[in-house]
Amino acid sequence: MDDAVIVVALLLVAATATAAVTARDPVHQALVLAVLGSALALLFTVLHAPDVALSQLAVGSALTPLLLLLSVRKVRRRRQRKGRTE
């Protein structure tokens, strides 16, 4: 039973990682990255590493996608301002 749960978690991680790589829109990439972080946290929980899972949940699922979304927003605002001044 334990091996089956690990295999399912690994397949979920592989699928979300593939989706993150194949996404073209940066906003979509950031959202898929948040799902990938959650899938990794699930995998770490299944592997009996709750401390690593909590760290992954905080950093990989929340902070990193948030920073990416804020960066994309700032770049898009600069492009809009640059387009208005020209």
C-alpha atoms as a PDB file:
ATOM      1  CA  MET A   1       0.000   0.000   0.000  1.00  0.00           C
ATOM      2  CA  ASP A   2       2.775   2.386   0.907  1.00  0.00           C
ATOM      3  CA  ASP A   3       4.535   1.826  -2.410  1.00  0.00           C
ATOM      4  CA  ALA A   4       1.367   2.534  -4.370  1.00  0.00           C
ATOM      5  CA  VAL A   5       0.912   5.894  -2.637  1.00  0.00           C
ATOM      6  CA  ILE A   6       4.527   6.807  -3.379  1.00  0.00           C
ATOM      7  CA  VAL A   7       4.098   5.886  -7.053  1.00  0.00           C
ATOM      8  CA  VAL A   8       0.927   7.984  -7.311  1.00  0.00           C
ATOM      9  CA  ALA A   9       2.673  10.945  -5.662  1.00  0.00           C
ATOM     10  CA  LEU A  10       5.645  10.577  -8.025  1.00  0.00           C
ATOM     11  CA  LEU A  11       3.341  10.458 -11.045  1.00  0.00           C
ATOM     12  CA  LEU A  12       1.573  13.595  -9.802  1.00  0.00           C
ATOM     13  CA  VAL A  13       4.919  15.363  -9.411  1.00  0.00           C
ATOM     14  CA  ALA A  14       6.016  14.260 -12.895  1.00  0.00           C
ATOM     15  CA  ALA A  15       2.761  15.421 -14.470  1.00  0.00           C
ATOM     16  CA  THR A  16       2.787  18.833 -12.802  1.00  0.00           C
ATOM     17  CA  ALA A  17       6.481  19.345 -13.573  1.00  0.00           C
ATOM     18  CA  THR A  18       5.799  18.569 -17.229  1.00  0.00           C
ATOM     19  CA  ALA A  19       2.880  21.000 -17.220  1.00  0.00           C
ATOM     20  CA  ALA A  20       5.074  23.700 -15.678  1.00  0.00           C
ATOM     21  CA  VAL A  21       7.727  23.248 -18.361  1.00  0.00           C
ATOM     22  CA  THR A  22       5.289  23.188 -21.267  1.00  0.00           C
ATOM     23  CA  ALA A  23       3.264  26.227 -20.170  1.00  0.00           C
ATOM     24  CA  ARG A  24       4.038  29.305 -22.254  1.00  0.00           C
ATOM     25  CA  ASP A  25       2.323  32.049 -20.264  1.00  0.00           C
ATOM     26  CA  PRO A  26       4.331  33.182 -17.202  1.00  0.00           C
ATOM     27  CA  VAL A  27       1.195  33.574 -15.087  1.00  0.00           C
ATOM     28  CA  HIS A  28       0.110  30.047 -15.958  1.00  0.00           C
ATOM     29  CA  GLN A  29       3.625  28.809 -15.182  1.00  0.00           C
ATOM     30  CA  ALA A  30       3.508  30.400 -11.739  1.00  0.00           C
ATOM     31  CA  LEU A  31       0.152  28.805 -10.960  1.00  0.00           C
ATOM     32  CA  VAL A  32       1.317  25.390 -12.126  1.00  0.00           C
ATOM     33  CA  LEU A  33       4.472  25.893 -10.057  1.00  0.00           C
ATOM     34  CA  ALA A  34       2.276  26.356  -6.988  1.00  0.00           C
ATOM     35  CA  VAL A  35       0.532  23.062  -7.754  1.00  0.00           C
ATOM     36  CA  LEU A  36       3.935  21.432  -8.252  1.00  0.00           C
ATOM     37  CA  GLY A  37       5.043  22.685  -4.845  1.00  0.00           C
ATOM     38  CA  SER A  38       1.938  21.174  -3.280  1.00  0.00           C
ATOM     39  CA  ALA A  39       2.552  17.873  -5.065  1.00  0.00           C
ATOM     40  CA  LEU A  40       6.132  17.829  -3.799  1.00  0.00           C
ATOM     41  CA  ALA A  41       4.922  18.583  -0.281  1.00  0.00           C
ATOM     42  CA  LEU A  42       2.551  15.632  -0.586  1.00  0.00           C
ATOM     43  CA  LEU A  43       5.408  13.424  -1.769  1.00  0.00           C
ATOM     44  CA  PHE A  44       7.600  14.478   1.153  1.00  0.00           C
ATOM     45  CA  THR A  45       4.744  13.763   3.542  1.00  0.00           C
ATOM     46  CA  VAL A  46       4.308  10.290   2.078  1.00  0.00           C
ATOM     47  CA  LEU A  47       8.063   9.735   2.450  1.00  0.00           C
ATOM     48  CA  HIS A  48       7.789  10.592   6.173  1.00  0.00           C
ATOM     49  CA  ALA A  49       9.591  13.934   5.982  1.00  0.00           C
ATOM     50  CA  PRO A  50       7.028  16.346   7.457  1.00  0.00           C
ATOM     51  CA  ASP A  51       9.583  19.082   8.172  1.00  0.00           C
ATOM     52  CA  VAL A  52      10.694  19.139   4.538  1.00  0.00           C
ATOM     53  CA  ALA A  53       7.059  18.999   3.436  1.00  0.00           C
ATOM     54  CA  LEU A  54       6.185  22.081   5.491  1.00  0.00           C
ATOM     55  CA  SER A  55       9.161  23.968   4.115  1.00  0.00           C
ATOM     56  CA  GLN A  56       8.224  22.985   0.573  1.00  0.00           C
ATOM     57  CA  LEU A  57       4.637  24.008   1.171  1.00  0.00           C
ATOM     58  CA  ALA A  58       5.687  27.444   2.391  1.00  0.00           C
ATOM     59  CA  VAL A  59       8.395  28.164  -0.146  1.00  0.00           C
ATOM     60  CA  GLY A  60       7.465  26.098  -3.196  1.00  0.00           C
ATOM     61  CA  SER A  61       3.718  26.548  -3.066  1.00  0.00           C
ATOM     62  CA  ALA A  62       3.389  30.080  -1.761  1.00  0.00           C
ATOM     63  CA  LEU A  63       6.447  32.318  -1.830  1.00  0.00           C
ATOM     64  CA  THR A  64       8.060  31.394  -5.148  1.00  0.00           C
ATOM     65  CA  PRO A  65       4.850  31.607  -7.235  1.00  0.00           C
ATOM     66  CA  LEU A  66       3.945  34.856  -5.464  1.00  0.00           C
ATOM     67  CA  LEU A  67       7.312  36.403  -6.316  1.00  0.00           C
ATOM     68  CA  LEU A  68       6.978  35.258  -9.921  1.00  0.00           C
ATOM     69  CA  LEU A  69       3.477  36.728 -10.218  1.00  0.00           C
ATOM     70  CA  LEU A  70       4.637  40.037  -8.733  1.00  0.00           C
ATOM     71  CA  SER A  71       7.585  40.135 -11.140  1.00  0.00           C
ATOM     72  CA  VAL A  72       5.359  39.457 -14.140  1.00  0.00           C
ATOM     73  CA  ARG A  73       2.971  42.160 -12.990  1.00  0.00           C
ATOM     74  CA  LYS A  74       5.783  44.692 -12.636  1.00  0.00           C
ATOM     75  CA  VAL A  75       7.214  43.881 -16.069  1.00  0.00           C
ATOM     76  CA  ARG A  76       3.800  44.187 -17.703  1.00  0.00           C
ATOM     77  CA  ARG A  77       3.163  47.534 -16.010  1.00  0.00           C
ATOM     78  CA  ARG A  78       6.509  48.855 -17.227  1.00  0.00           C
ATOM     79  CA  ARG A  79       5.693  47.744 -20.766  1.00  0.00           C
ATOM     80  CA  GLN A  80       2.337  49.522 -20.593  1.00  0.00           C
ATOM     81  CA  ARG A  81       3.935  52.733 -19.316  1.00  0.00           C
ATOM     82  CA  LYS A  82       6.640  52.541 -21.949  1.00  0.00           C
ATOM     83  CA  GLY A  83       4.002  52.058 -24.636  1.00  0.00           C
ATOM     84  CA  ARG A  84       2.108  55.173 -23.461  1.00  0.00           C
ATOM     85  CA  THR A  85       5.149  57.449 -23.489  1.00  0.00           C
ATOM     86  CA  GLU A  86       6.227  56.569 -27.013  1.00  0.00           C
END
